[in-house]
């Protein structure tokens, strides 16, 4: 349990967004995807996920780890229309209406609330993504459901202390999700692997170095010098502790930083690509689309599309 306490204590949590949405028409997203983790609370209606179409009952929650494409269906007769994540981002107002009335949260048919957030180990590793687990159902957790509603309510209102409360509630959400995973003995092997982050300071040095030098040379030769292990061994060493090879991890970190810059700055795609380590803009764009399923330009428009 001490290792898991260290996991929780090391997590840097960042709130991204929260909304209460009402469905216009049923549909299925065959590859629902986001960089952030998403916790969806179904108020009323129909929601299924995964290739086996697991059912989320009213009052239950669906947790989708960041970076994990997942098949998600909203409403009845959703098989009549299957769309891509790209389609949803571009046309979300055709499928959902955002509710900003506090009194109506949870009252409308075919409605849900969601909170999107980051949770990073030592502000470097996406914790839930590093577990490499699929989306999963959370049931019987009224405290967690109430936290989701509180975040949505605060996001709607413009009150003093709004951001502080949102951050507190979001951190509580992360703790409750981790506790749920532990109580139910879910992903035990992956959690045990993650606890190794705290047993070797050389790995933390690598995380920090990569984070601070995303635009520079991050070859295995450079990483071997940071970790003080041989160049031939550094890849094996990194994968043994994280279950991912270092170059794949570096690319994910670079792309995640690119998403942040696309959403928060007006820098050109070319400049963003260079800033995160890609000298060839065309190659950067190909890798970006391959990873996220949509072009970088559309990711830039994602925030405005999501803010219905």
C-alpha atoms as a PDB file:
ATOM      1  CA  UNK A   1       0.000   0.000   0.000  1.00  0.00           C
ATOM      2  CA  UNK A   2       2.927   2.347   0.629  1.00  0.00           C
ATOM      3  CA  UNK A   3       3.896   2.197  -3.052  1.00  0.00           C
ATOM      4  CA  UNK A   4       0.352   3.105  -4.066  1.00  0.00           C
ATOM      5  CA  UNK A   5       0.355   6.053  -1.667  1.00  0.00           C
ATOM      6  CA  UNK A   6       3.511   7.215  -3.416  1.00  0.00           C
ATOM      7  CA  UNK A   7       1.742   6.841  -6.764  1.00  0.00           C
ATOM      8  CA  UNK A   8      -1.123   9.046  -5.629  1.00  0.00           C
ATOM      9  CA  UNK A   9       1.139  11.599  -3.965  1.00  0.00           C
ATOM     10  CA  UNK A  10       3.268  11.908  -7.089  1.00  0.00           C
ATOM     11  CA  UNK A  11       0.353  12.530  -9.449  1.00  0.00           C
ATOM     12  CA  UNK A  12       0.111  15.989 -10.938  1.00  0.00           C
ATOM     13  CA  UNK A  13      -3.544  16.565 -11.831  1.00  0.00           C
ATOM     14  CA  UNK A  14      -4.730  19.165 -14.330  1.00  0.00           C
ATOM     15  CA  UNK A  15      -8.371  19.905 -15.083  1.00  0.00           C
ATOM     16  CA  UNK A  16      -9.121  20.255 -18.807  1.00  0.00           C
ATOM     17  CA  UNK A  17     -12.878  20.680 -19.186  1.00  0.00           C
ATOM     18  CA  UNK A  18     -16.280  19.534 -17.925  1.00  0.00           C
ATOM     19  CA  UNK A  19     -19.768  19.653 -19.427  1.00  0.00           C
ATOM     20  CA  UNK A  20     -23.324  18.440 -19.119  1.00  0.00           C
ATOM     21  CA  UNK A  21     -24.500  17.269 -22.544  1.00  0.00           C
ATOM     22  CA  UNK A  22     -27.911  16.339 -23.934  1.00  0.00           C
ATOM     23  CA  UNK A  23     -28.069  14.002 -26.932  1.00  0.00           C
ATOM     24  CA  UNK A  24     -29.753  15.156 -30.171  1.00  0.00           C
ATOM     25  CA  UNK A  25     -29.577  11.909 -32.111  1.00  0.00           C
ATOM     26  CA  UNK A  26     -28.189   8.425 -31.417  1.00  0.00           C
ATOM     27  CA  UNK A  27     -24.811   7.507 -32.887  1.00  0.00           C
ATOM     28  CA  UNK A  28     -21.659   5.443 -32.395  1.00  0.00           C
ATOM     29  CA  UNK A  29     -18.105   6.757 -32.412  1.00  0.00           C
ATOM     30  CA  UNK A  30     -15.943   3.873 -33.519  1.00  0.00           C
ATOM     31  CA  UNK A  31     -12.702   5.439 -32.233  1.00  0.00           C
ATOM     32  CA  UNK A  32     -13.553   7.990 -29.529  1.00  0.00           C
ATOM     33  CA  UNK A  33     -10.214   9.488 -28.527  1.00  0.00           C
ATOM     34  CA  UNK A  34      -8.790  12.265 -26.386  1.00  0.00           C
ATOM     35  CA  UNK A  35      -5.389  13.141 -24.961  1.00  0.00           C
ATOM     36  CA  UNK A  36      -6.980  13.702 -21.550  1.00  0.00           C
ATOM     37  CA  UNK A  37      -8.678  11.080 -19.397  1.00  0.00           C
ATOM     38  CA  UNK A  38     -12.473  11.254 -19.542  1.00  0.00           C
ATOM     39  CA  UNK A  39     -14.916  10.256 -16.809  1.00  0.00           C
ATOM     40  CA  UNK A  40     -18.484  10.110 -18.124  1.00  0.00           C
ATOM     41  CA  UNK A  41     -21.459   9.971 -15.736  1.00  0.00           C
ATOM     42  CA  UNK A  42     -24.669   8.744 -17.391  1.00  0.00           C
ATOM     43  CA  UNK A  43     -27.693  10.546 -15.939  1.00  0.00           C
ATOM     44  CA  UNK A  44     -30.481   9.216 -18.156  1.00  0.00           C
ATOM     45  CA  UNK A  45     -30.501   7.281 -21.390  1.00  0.00           C
ATOM     46  CA  UNK A  46     -28.338   4.706 -23.105  1.00  0.00           C
ATOM     47  CA  UNK A  47     -24.561   4.385 -23.268  1.00  0.00           C
ATOM     48  CA  UNK A  48     -22.421   1.414 -24.314  1.00  0.00           C
ATOM     49  CA  UNK A  49     -18.707   1.012 -24.951  1.00  0.00           C
ATOM     50  CA  UNK A  50     -16.156  -1.397 -26.377  1.00  0.00           C
ATOM     51  CA  UNK A  51     -16.462  -3.897 -29.176  1.00  0.00           C
ATOM     52  CA  UNK A  52     -18.674  -6.041 -26.907  1.00  0.00           C
ATOM     53  CA  UNK A  53     -20.995  -3.050 -26.318  1.00  0.00           C
ATOM     54  CA  UNK A  54     -20.884  -3.169 -22.536  1.00  0.00           C
ATOM     55  CA  UNK A  55     -23.838  -1.298 -21.070  1.00  0.00           C
ATOM     56  CA  UNK A  56     -23.450   1.674 -18.745  1.00  0.00           C
ATOM     57  CA  UNK A  57     -26.496   1.915 -16.492  1.00  0.00           C
ATOM     58  CA  UNK A  58     -27.949   5.214 -15.337  1.00  0.00           C
ATOM     59  CA  UNK A  59     -25.867   6.504 -12.416  1.00  0.00           C
ATOM     60  CA  UNK A  60     -22.786   4.534 -13.496  1.00  0.00           C
ATOM     61  CA  UNK A  61     -19.624   5.998 -14.973  1.00  0.00           C
ATOM     62  CA  UNK A  62     -17.424   5.167 -17.941  1.00  0.00           C
ATOM     63  CA  UNK A  63     -13.716   5.904 -17.553  1.00  0.00           C
ATOM     64  CA  UNK A  64     -11.766   6.287 -20.797  1.00  0.00           C
ATOM     65  CA  UNK A  65      -7.980   6.581 -20.294  1.00  0.00           C
ATOM     66  CA  UNK A  66      -6.251   9.293 -22.293  1.00  0.00           C
ATOM     67  CA  UNK A  67      -4.724   8.099 -25.535  1.00  0.00           C
ATOM     68  CA  UNK A  68      -6.965   5.031 -25.727  1.00  0.00           C
ATOM     69  CA  UNK A  69      -9.298   4.875 -28.785  1.00  0.00           C
ATOM     70  CA  UNK A  70     -12.614   3.388 -27.647  1.00  0.00           C
ATOM     71  CA  UNK A  71     -15.871   2.520 -29.374  1.00  0.00           C
ATOM     72  CA  UNK A  72     -18.648   4.459 -27.633  1.00  0.00           C
ATOM     73  CA  UNK A  73     -22.368   4.486 -28.477  1.00  0.00           C
ATOM     74  CA  UNK A  74     -24.847   7.120 -27.327  1.00  0.00           C
ATOM     75  CA  UNK A  75     -28.636   6.596 -27.340  1.00  0.00           C
ATOM     76  CA  UNK A  76     -30.841   3.847 -28.707  1.00  0.00           C
ATOM     77  CA  UNK A  77     -30.608   2.660 -32.317  1.00  0.00           C
ATOM     78  CA  UNK A  78     -27.074   4.040 -32.441  1.00  0.00           C
ATOM     79  CA  UNK A  79     -26.097   1.321 -34.927  1.00  0.00           C
ATOM     80  CA  UNK A  80     -27.884   3.323 -37.596  1.00  0.00           C
ATOM     81  CA  UNK A  81     -25.068   5.863 -37.647  1.00  0.00           C
ATOM     82  CA  UNK A  82     -21.382   5.130 -37.086  1.00  0.00           C
ATOM     83  CA  UNK A  83     -18.953   8.044 -37.226  1.00  0.00           C
ATOM     84  CA  UNK A  84     -15.276   8.673 -36.607  1.00  0.00           C
ATOM     85  CA  UNK A  85     -13.775  10.796 -33.855  1.00  0.00           C
ATOM     86  CA  UNK A  86     -12.912  13.327 -36.549  1.00  0.00           C
ATOM     87  CA  UNK A  87     -16.585  13.537 -37.547  1.00  0.00           C
ATOM     88  CA  UNK A  88     -17.617  14.107 -33.943  1.00  0.00           C
ATOM     89  CA  UNK A  89     -15.099  16.903 -33.392  1.00  0.00           C
ATOM     90  CA  UNK A  90     -16.170  18.677 -36.581  1.00  0.00           C
ATOM     91  CA  UNK A  91     -19.927  18.293 -36.051  1.00  0.00           C
ATOM     92  CA  UNK A  92     -20.466  17.912 -32.324  1.00  0.00           C
ATOM     93  CA  UNK A  93     -23.284  20.469 -32.200  1.00  0.00           C
ATOM     94  CA  UNK A  94     -25.281  18.148 -34.476  1.00  0.00           C
ATOM     95  CA  UNK A  95     -25.154  15.427 -31.834  1.00  0.00           C
ATOM     96  CA  UNK A  96     -25.125  17.237 -28.479  1.00  0.00           C
ATOM     97  CA  UNK A  97     -26.402  20.358 -26.788  1.00  0.00           C
ATOM     98  CA  UNK A  98     -24.438  21.734 -23.851  1.00  0.00           C
ATOM     99  CA  UNK A  99     -26.635  22.497 -20.830  1.00  0.00           C
ATOM    100  CA  UNK A 100     -25.669  25.475 -18.664  1.00  0.00           C
ATOM    101  CA  UNK A 101     -28.738  25.425 -16.412  1.00  0.00           C
ATOM    102  CA  UNK A 102     -27.839  24.068 -12.956  1.00  0.00           C
ATOM    103  CA  UNK A 103     -31.417  22.967 -12.272  1.00  0.00           C
ATOM    104  CA  UNK A 104     -31.507  20.801 -15.389  1.00  0.00           C
ATOM    105  CA  UNK A 105     -28.328  18.786 -14.744  1.00  0.00           C
ATOM    106  CA  UNK A 106     -29.355  15.147 -14.676  1.00  0.00           C
ATOM    107  CA  UNK A 107     -32.966  15.858 -15.592  1.00  0.00           C
ATOM    108  CA  UNK A 108     -32.958  15.629 -19.383  1.00  0.00           C
ATOM    109  CA  UNK A 109     -33.434  12.332 -21.188  1.00  0.00           C
ATOM    110  CA  UNK A 110     -30.309  10.970 -22.923  1.00  0.00           C
ATOM    111  CA  UNK A 111     -27.953  13.205 -20.947  1.00  0.00           C
ATOM    112  CA  UNK A 112     -24.575  12.771 -19.322  1.00  0.00           C
ATOM    113  CA  UNK A 113     -21.885  14.804 -17.589  1.00  0.00           C
ATOM    114  CA  UNK A 114     -18.170  14.392 -18.089  1.00  0.00           C
ATOM    115  CA  UNK A 115     -14.901  15.649 -16.678  1.00  0.00           C
ATOM    116  CA  UNK A 116     -11.683  15.585 -18.699  1.00  0.00           C
ATOM    117  CA  UNK A 117      -8.326  15.783 -16.934  1.00  0.00           C
ATOM    118  CA  UNK A 118      -4.632  14.892 -16.947  1.00  0.00           C
ATOM    119  CA  UNK A 119      -2.972  12.797 -14.241  1.00  0.00           C
ATOM    120  CA  UNK A 120       0.797  12.566 -14.578  1.00  0.00           C
ATOM    121  CA  UNK A 121       3.396  10.795 -12.461  1.00  0.00           C
ATOM    122  CA  UNK A 122       6.020  13.387 -11.477  1.00  0.00           C
ATOM    123  CA  UNK A 123       4.336  15.671 -14.008  1.00  0.00           C
ATOM    124  CA  UNK A 124       5.898  13.555 -16.763  1.00  0.00           C
ATOM    125  CA  UNK A 125       4.144  10.223 -17.341  1.00  0.00           C
ATOM    126  CA  UNK A 126       0.449   9.912 -18.102  1.00  0.00           C
ATOM    127  CA  UNK A 127      -0.494   7.546 -15.303  1.00  0.00           C
ATOM    128  CA  UNK A 128      -3.611   5.889 -16.721  1.00  0.00           C
ATOM    129  CA  UNK A 129      -2.182   5.720 -20.242  1.00  0.00           C
ATOM    130  CA  UNK A 130       0.962   4.087 -18.866  1.00  0.00           C
ATOM    131  CA  UNK A 131      -1.174   1.300 -17.399  1.00  0.00           C
ATOM    132  CA  UNK A 132      -2.174   0.416 -20.972  1.00  0.00           C
ATOM    133  CA  UNK A 133      -5.683  -0.541 -19.843  1.00  0.00           C
ATOM    134  CA  UNK A 134      -8.956  -0.333 -21.762  1.00  0.00           C
ATOM    135  CA  UNK A 135     -11.929   1.840 -20.876  1.00  0.00           C
ATOM    136  CA  UNK A 136     -13.760   0.469 -17.859  1.00  0.00           C
ATOM    137  CA  UNK A 137     -17.035   0.772 -15.960  1.00  0.00           C
ATOM    138  CA  UNK A 138     -17.290   2.328 -12.490  1.00  0.00           C
ATOM    139  CA  UNK A 139     -20.431   1.469 -10.530  1.00  0.00           C
ATOM    140  CA  UNK A 140     -21.762   2.012  -7.018  1.00  0.00           C
ATOM    141  CA  UNK A 141     -19.689   5.141  -6.449  1.00  0.00           C
ATOM    142  CA  UNK A 142     -22.072   7.930  -5.488  1.00  0.00           C
ATOM    143  CA  UNK A 143     -19.239  10.007  -4.001  1.00  0.00           C
ATOM    144  CA  UNK A 144     -17.364   9.967  -7.298  1.00  0.00           C
ATOM    145  CA  UNK A 145     -20.545  10.745  -9.238  1.00  0.00           C
ATOM    146  CA  UNK A 146     -21.211  13.732  -6.977  1.00  0.00           C
ATOM    147  CA  UNK A 147     -17.678  15.011  -7.603  1.00  0.00           C
ATOM    148  CA  UNK A 148     -18.315  14.932 -11.355  1.00  0.00           C
ATOM    149  CA  UNK A 149     -21.492  16.965 -10.870  1.00  0.00           C
ATOM    150  CA  UNK A 150     -19.690  19.459  -8.611  1.00  0.00           C
ATOM    151  CA  UNK A 151     -17.003  20.054 -11.235  1.00  0.00           C
ATOM    152  CA  UNK A 152     -19.643  20.579 -13.926  1.00  0.00           C
ATOM    153  CA  UNK A 153     -21.604  22.968 -11.693  1.00  0.00           C
ATOM    154  CA  UNK A 154     -18.499  25.011 -10.901  1.00  0.00           C
ATOM    155  CA  UNK A 155     -17.498  25.134 -14.570  1.00  0.00           C
ATOM    156  CA  UNK A 156     -20.909  26.615 -15.441  1.00  0.00           C
ATOM    157  CA  UNK A 157     -20.828  29.326 -12.785  1.00  0.00           C
ATOM    158  CA  UNK A 158     -18.528  32.334 -12.663  1.00  0.00           C
ATOM    159  CA  UNK A 159     -18.040  32.518  -8.894  1.00  0.00           C
ATOM    160  CA  UNK A 160     -15.079  33.551  -6.714  1.00  0.00           C
ATOM    161  CA  UNK A 161     -12.781  30.588  -6.066  1.00  0.00           C
ATOM    162  CA  UNK A 162     -14.168  28.692  -9.059  1.00  0.00           C
ATOM    163  CA  UNK A 163     -10.831  27.490 -10.413  1.00  0.00           C
ATOM    164  CA  UNK A 164      -9.570  26.495  -6.982  1.00  0.00           C
ATOM    165  CA  UNK A 165     -12.633  24.364  -6.250  1.00  0.00           C
ATOM    166  CA  UNK A 166     -12.511  22.778  -9.704  1.00  0.00           C
ATOM    167  CA  UNK A 167      -8.876  21.801  -9.146  1.00  0.00           C
ATOM    168  CA  UNK A 168      -9.658  20.377  -5.680  1.00  0.00           C
ATOM    169  CA  UNK A 169     -12.622  18.363  -6.952  1.00  0.00           C
ATOM    170  CA  UNK A 170     -10.644  17.092  -9.955  1.00  0.00           C
ATOM    171  CA  UNK A 171      -7.814  15.917  -7.696  1.00  0.00           C
ATOM    172  CA  UNK A 172     -10.423  14.135  -5.554  1.00  0.00           C
ATOM    173  CA  UNK A 173     -11.798  12.460  -8.669  1.00  0.00           C
ATOM    174  CA  UNK A 174      -8.371  11.064  -9.547  1.00  0.00           C
ATOM    175  CA  UNK A 175      -7.869   9.727  -6.012  1.00  0.00           C
ATOM    176  CA  UNK A 176     -11.310   8.082  -6.026  1.00  0.00           C
ATOM    177  CA  UNK A 177     -10.674   6.443  -9.421  1.00  0.00           C
ATOM    178  CA  UNK A 178      -7.340   5.040  -8.214  1.00  0.00           C
ATOM    179  CA  UNK A 179      -9.001   3.801  -5.004  1.00  0.00           C
ATOM    180  CA  UNK A 180     -11.720   2.108  -7.056  1.00  0.00           C
ATOM    181  CA  UNK A 181      -9.100   0.346  -9.156  1.00  0.00           C
ATOM    182  CA  UNK A 182      -7.271  -0.828  -6.030  1.00  0.00           C
ATOM    183  CA  UNK A 183     -10.418  -1.942  -4.171  1.00  0.00           C
ATOM    184  CA  UNK A 184     -11.522  -4.027  -7.098  1.00  0.00           C
ATOM    185  CA  UNK A 185      -8.061  -5.500  -7.784  1.00  0.00           C
ATOM    186  CA  UNK A 186      -8.119  -4.148 -11.318  1.00  0.00           C
ATOM    187  CA  UNK A 187      -4.969  -4.051 -13.457  1.00  0.00           C
ATOM    188  CA  UNK A 188      -2.886  -5.405 -10.574  1.00  0.00           C
ATOM    189  CA  UNK A 189       0.098  -6.329 -12.733  1.00  0.00           C
ATOM    190  CA  UNK A 190       0.176  -2.938 -14.447  1.00  0.00           C
ATOM    191  CA  UNK A 191      -0.060  -1.102 -11.128  1.00  0.00           C
ATOM    192  CA  UNK A 192       2.778  -3.156  -9.703  1.00  0.00           C
ATOM    193  CA  UNK A 193       4.886  -2.267 -12.720  1.00  0.00           C
ATOM    194  CA  UNK A 194       4.098   1.424 -12.291  1.00  0.00           C
ATOM    195  CA  UNK A 195       5.232   1.346  -8.670  1.00  0.00           C
ATOM    196  CA  UNK A 196       8.766   0.753  -9.962  1.00  0.00           C
ATOM    197  CA  UNK A 197       8.849   4.412 -10.972  1.00  0.00           C
ATOM    198  CA  UNK A 198       9.586   5.161  -7.338  1.00  0.00           C
ATOM    199  CA  UNK A 199      12.359   2.634  -6.863  1.00  0.00           C
ATOM    200  CA  UNK A 200      14.949   3.960  -9.292  1.00  0.00           C
ATOM    201  CA  UNK A 201      15.830   7.683  -9.332  1.00  0.00           C
ATOM    202  CA  UNK A 202      17.565   7.259 -12.700  1.00  0.00           C
ATOM    203  CA  UNK A 203      14.174   6.752 -14.327  1.00  0.00           C
ATOM    204  CA  UNK A 204      12.854   9.965 -12.797  1.00  0.00           C
ATOM    205  CA  UNK A 205      15.940  11.742 -14.150  1.00  0.00           C
ATOM    206  CA  UNK A 206      15.050  10.431 -17.610  1.00  0.00           C
ATOM    207  CA  UNK A 207      11.437  11.603 -17.325  1.00  0.00           C
ATOM    208  CA  UNK A 208      12.521  15.080 -16.296  1.00  0.00           C
ATOM    209  CA  UNK A 209      15.227  15.326 -18.959  1.00  0.00           C
ATOM    210  CA  UNK A 210      12.835  14.259 -21.714  1.00  0.00           C
ATOM    211  CA  UNK A 211      10.204  16.738 -20.540  1.00  0.00           C
ATOM    212  CA  UNK A 212      12.695  19.628 -20.536  1.00  0.00           C
ATOM    213  CA  UNK A 213      14.288  18.762 -23.892  1.00  0.00           C
ATOM    214  CA  UNK A 214      11.422  17.709 -26.156  1.00  0.00           C
ATOM    215  CA  UNK A 215      12.782  19.854 -28.991  1.00  0.00           C
ATOM    216  CA  UNK A 216      16.317  18.533 -28.732  1.00  0.00           C
ATOM    217  CA  UNK A 217      18.317  15.368 -29.262  1.00  0.00           C
ATOM    218  CA  UNK A 218      16.688  12.526 -27.325  1.00  0.00           C
ATOM    219  CA  UNK A 219      18.499   9.609 -28.909  1.00  0.00           C
ATOM    220  CA  UNK A 220      19.331   6.540 -26.872  1.00  0.00           C
ATOM    221  CA  UNK A 221      22.928   7.778 -26.796  1.00  0.00           C
ATOM    222  CA  UNK A 222      21.865  10.960 -25.001  1.00  0.00           C
ATOM    223  CA  UNK A 223      19.482   9.105 -22.687  1.00  0.00           C
ATOM    224  CA  UNK A 224      22.189   6.622 -21.726  1.00  0.00           C
ATOM    225  CA  UNK A 225      24.305   9.523 -20.462  1.00  0.00           C
ATOM    226  CA  UNK A 226      21.410  10.882 -18.387  1.00  0.00           C
ATOM    227  CA  UNK A 227      20.676   7.518 -16.771  1.00  0.00           C
ATOM    228  CA  UNK A 228      24.339   6.496 -16.560  1.00  0.00           C
ATOM    229  CA  UNK A 229      23.739   3.172 -18.302  1.00  0.00           C
ATOM    230  CA  UNK A 230      25.125   1.891 -21.575  1.00  0.00           C
ATOM    231  CA  UNK A 231      23.618   2.992 -24.874  1.00  0.00           C
ATOM    232  CA  UNK A 232      22.870  -0.629 -25.777  1.00  0.00           C
ATOM    233  CA  UNK A 233      21.018  -1.177 -22.488  1.00  0.00           C
ATOM    234  CA  UNK A 234      19.089   2.077 -22.003  1.00  0.00           C
ATOM    235  CA  UNK A 235      16.177   1.029 -24.216  1.00  0.00           C
ATOM    236  CA  UNK A 236      15.787  -2.300 -22.432  1.00  0.00           C
ATOM    237  CA  UNK A 237      16.141  -0.586 -19.058  1.00  0.00           C
ATOM    238  CA  UNK A 238      13.438   1.988 -19.829  1.00  0.00           C
ATOM    239  CA  UNK A 239      11.012  -0.573 -21.212  1.00  0.00           C
ATOM    240  CA  UNK A 240      11.575  -2.945 -18.293  1.00  0.00           C
ATOM    241  CA  UNK A 241      10.378  -0.249 -15.865  1.00  0.00           C
ATOM    242  CA  UNK A 242       7.678   1.448 -17.934  1.00  0.00           C
ATOM    243  CA  UNK A 243       6.458  -1.238 -20.352  1.00  0.00           C
ATOM    244  CA  UNK A 244       7.159   1.096 -23.288  1.00  0.00           C
ATOM    245  CA  UNK A 245      10.322   1.730 -25.262  1.00  0.00           C
ATOM    246  CA  UNK A 246      11.845   5.202 -24.794  1.00  0.00           C
ATOM    247  CA  UNK A 247      11.406   6.430 -28.363  1.00  0.00           C
ATOM    248  CA  UNK A 248       7.676   5.601 -28.334  1.00  0.00           C
ATOM    249  CA  UNK A 249       7.365   7.395 -25.006  1.00  0.00           C
ATOM    250  CA  UNK A 250       9.250  10.410 -26.366  1.00  0.00           C
ATOM    251  CA  UNK A 251       7.013  10.622 -29.421  1.00  0.00           C
ATOM    252  CA  UNK A 252       3.896  10.508 -27.243  1.00  0.00           C
ATOM    253  CA  UNK A 253       5.272  13.305 -25.046  1.00  0.00           C
ATOM    254  CA  UNK A 254       6.157  15.380 -28.096  1.00  0.00           C
ATOM    255  CA  UNK A 255       2.729  14.934 -29.620  1.00  0.00           C
ATOM    256  CA  UNK A 256       0.989  15.716 -26.353  1.00  0.00           C
ATOM    257  CA  UNK A 257       2.999  18.934 -26.097  1.00  0.00           C
ATOM    258  CA  UNK A 258       2.043  19.717 -29.691  1.00  0.00           C
ATOM    259  CA  UNK A 259      -1.642  19.327 -28.808  1.00  0.00           C
ATOM    260  CA  UNK A 260      -1.201  21.735 -25.903  1.00  0.00           C
ATOM    261  CA  UNK A 261       0.466  24.309 -28.164  1.00  0.00           C
ATOM    262  CA  UNK A 262      -2.211  23.902 -30.832  1.00  0.00           C
ATOM    263  CA  UNK A 263      -4.927  24.527 -28.274  1.00  0.00           C
ATOM    264  CA  UNK A 264      -3.308  27.401 -26.409  1.00  0.00           C
ATOM    265  CA  UNK A 265      -1.177  29.360 -28.901  1.00  0.00           C
ATOM    266  CA  UNK A 266      -1.405  30.818 -32.395  1.00  0.00           C
ATOM    267  CA  UNK A 267       1.944  29.410 -33.444  1.00  0.00           C
ATOM    268  CA  UNK A 268       2.040  27.860 -36.895  1.00  0.00           C
ATOM    269  CA  UNK A 269       1.968  24.093 -37.255  1.00  0.00           C
ATOM    270  CA  UNK A 270       5.464  24.317 -38.737  1.00  0.00           C
ATOM    271  CA  UNK A 271       6.792  26.180 -35.689  1.00  0.00           C
ATOM    272  CA  UNK A 272       5.044  23.818 -33.277  1.00  0.00           C
ATOM    273  CA  UNK A 273       6.527  20.819 -35.043  1.00  0.00           C
ATOM    274  CA  UNK A 274      10.026  22.288 -34.722  1.00  0.00           C
ATOM    275  CA  UNK A 275       9.452  23.194 -31.076  1.00  0.00           C
ATOM    276  CA  UNK A 276       8.634  19.585 -30.199  1.00  0.00           C
ATOM    277  CA  UNK A 277      11.524  18.092 -32.152  1.00  0.00           C
ATOM    278  CA  UNK A 278      10.340  17.603 -35.758  1.00  0.00           C
ATOM    279  CA  UNK A 279      12.403  19.436 -38.389  1.00  0.00           C
ATOM    280  CA  UNK A 280      10.274  18.020 -41.216  1.00  0.00           C
ATOM    281  CA  UNK A 281       6.761  19.533 -41.022  1.00  0.00           C
ATOM    282  CA  UNK A 282       5.252  16.980 -43.406  1.00  0.00           C
ATOM    283  CA  UNK A 283       6.588  14.103 -41.290  1.00  0.00           C
ATOM    284  CA  UNK A 284       5.295  15.775 -38.127  1.00  0.00           C
ATOM    285  CA  UNK A 285       1.828  16.094 -39.672  1.00  0.00           C
ATOM    286  CA  UNK A 286       1.825  12.447 -40.802  1.00  0.00           C
ATOM    287  CA  UNK A 287       2.838  11.205 -37.359  1.00  0.00           C
ATOM    288  CA  UNK A 288       0.311  13.502 -35.686  1.00  0.00           C
ATOM    289  CA  UNK A 289      -2.583  12.185 -37.793  1.00  0.00           C
ATOM    290  CA  UNK A 290      -1.426   8.620 -37.290  1.00  0.00           C
ATOM    291  CA  UNK A 291      -1.412   9.076 -33.507  1.00  0.00           C
ATOM    292  CA  UNK A 292      -4.597  11.107 -33.025  1.00  0.00           C
ATOM    293  CA  UNK A 293      -6.640  10.157 -36.064  1.00  0.00           C
ATOM    294  CA  UNK A 294      -7.134  13.777 -37.164  1.00  0.00           C
ATOM    295  CA  UNK A 295      -4.896  16.395 -38.802  1.00  0.00           C
ATOM    296  CA  UNK A 296      -3.103  18.912 -36.602  1.00  0.00           C
ATOM    297  CA  UNK A 297      -5.198  21.751 -38.038  1.00  0.00           C
ATOM    298  CA  UNK A 298      -8.407  20.105 -36.926  1.00  0.00           C
ATOM    299  CA  UNK A 299      -6.988  19.475 -33.469  1.00  0.00           C
ATOM    300  CA  UNK A 300      -6.444  23.231 -33.249  1.00  0.00           C
ATOM    301  CA  UNK A 301     -10.161  23.751 -33.851  1.00  0.00           C
ATOM    302  CA  UNK A 302     -11.105  21.025 -31.399  1.00  0.00           C
ATOM    303  CA  UNK A 303     -11.511  23.286 -28.372  1.00  0.00           C
ATOM    304  CA  UNK A 304     -13.968  25.598 -30.077  1.00  0.00           C
ATOM    305  CA  UNK A 305     -15.838  22.605 -31.454  1.00  0.00           C
ATOM    306  CA  UNK A 306     -16.018  21.012 -28.017  1.00  0.00           C
ATOM    307  CA  UNK A 307     -17.272  24.242 -26.416  1.00  0.00           C
ATOM    308  CA  UNK A 308     -20.734  24.029 -27.866  1.00  0.00           C
END
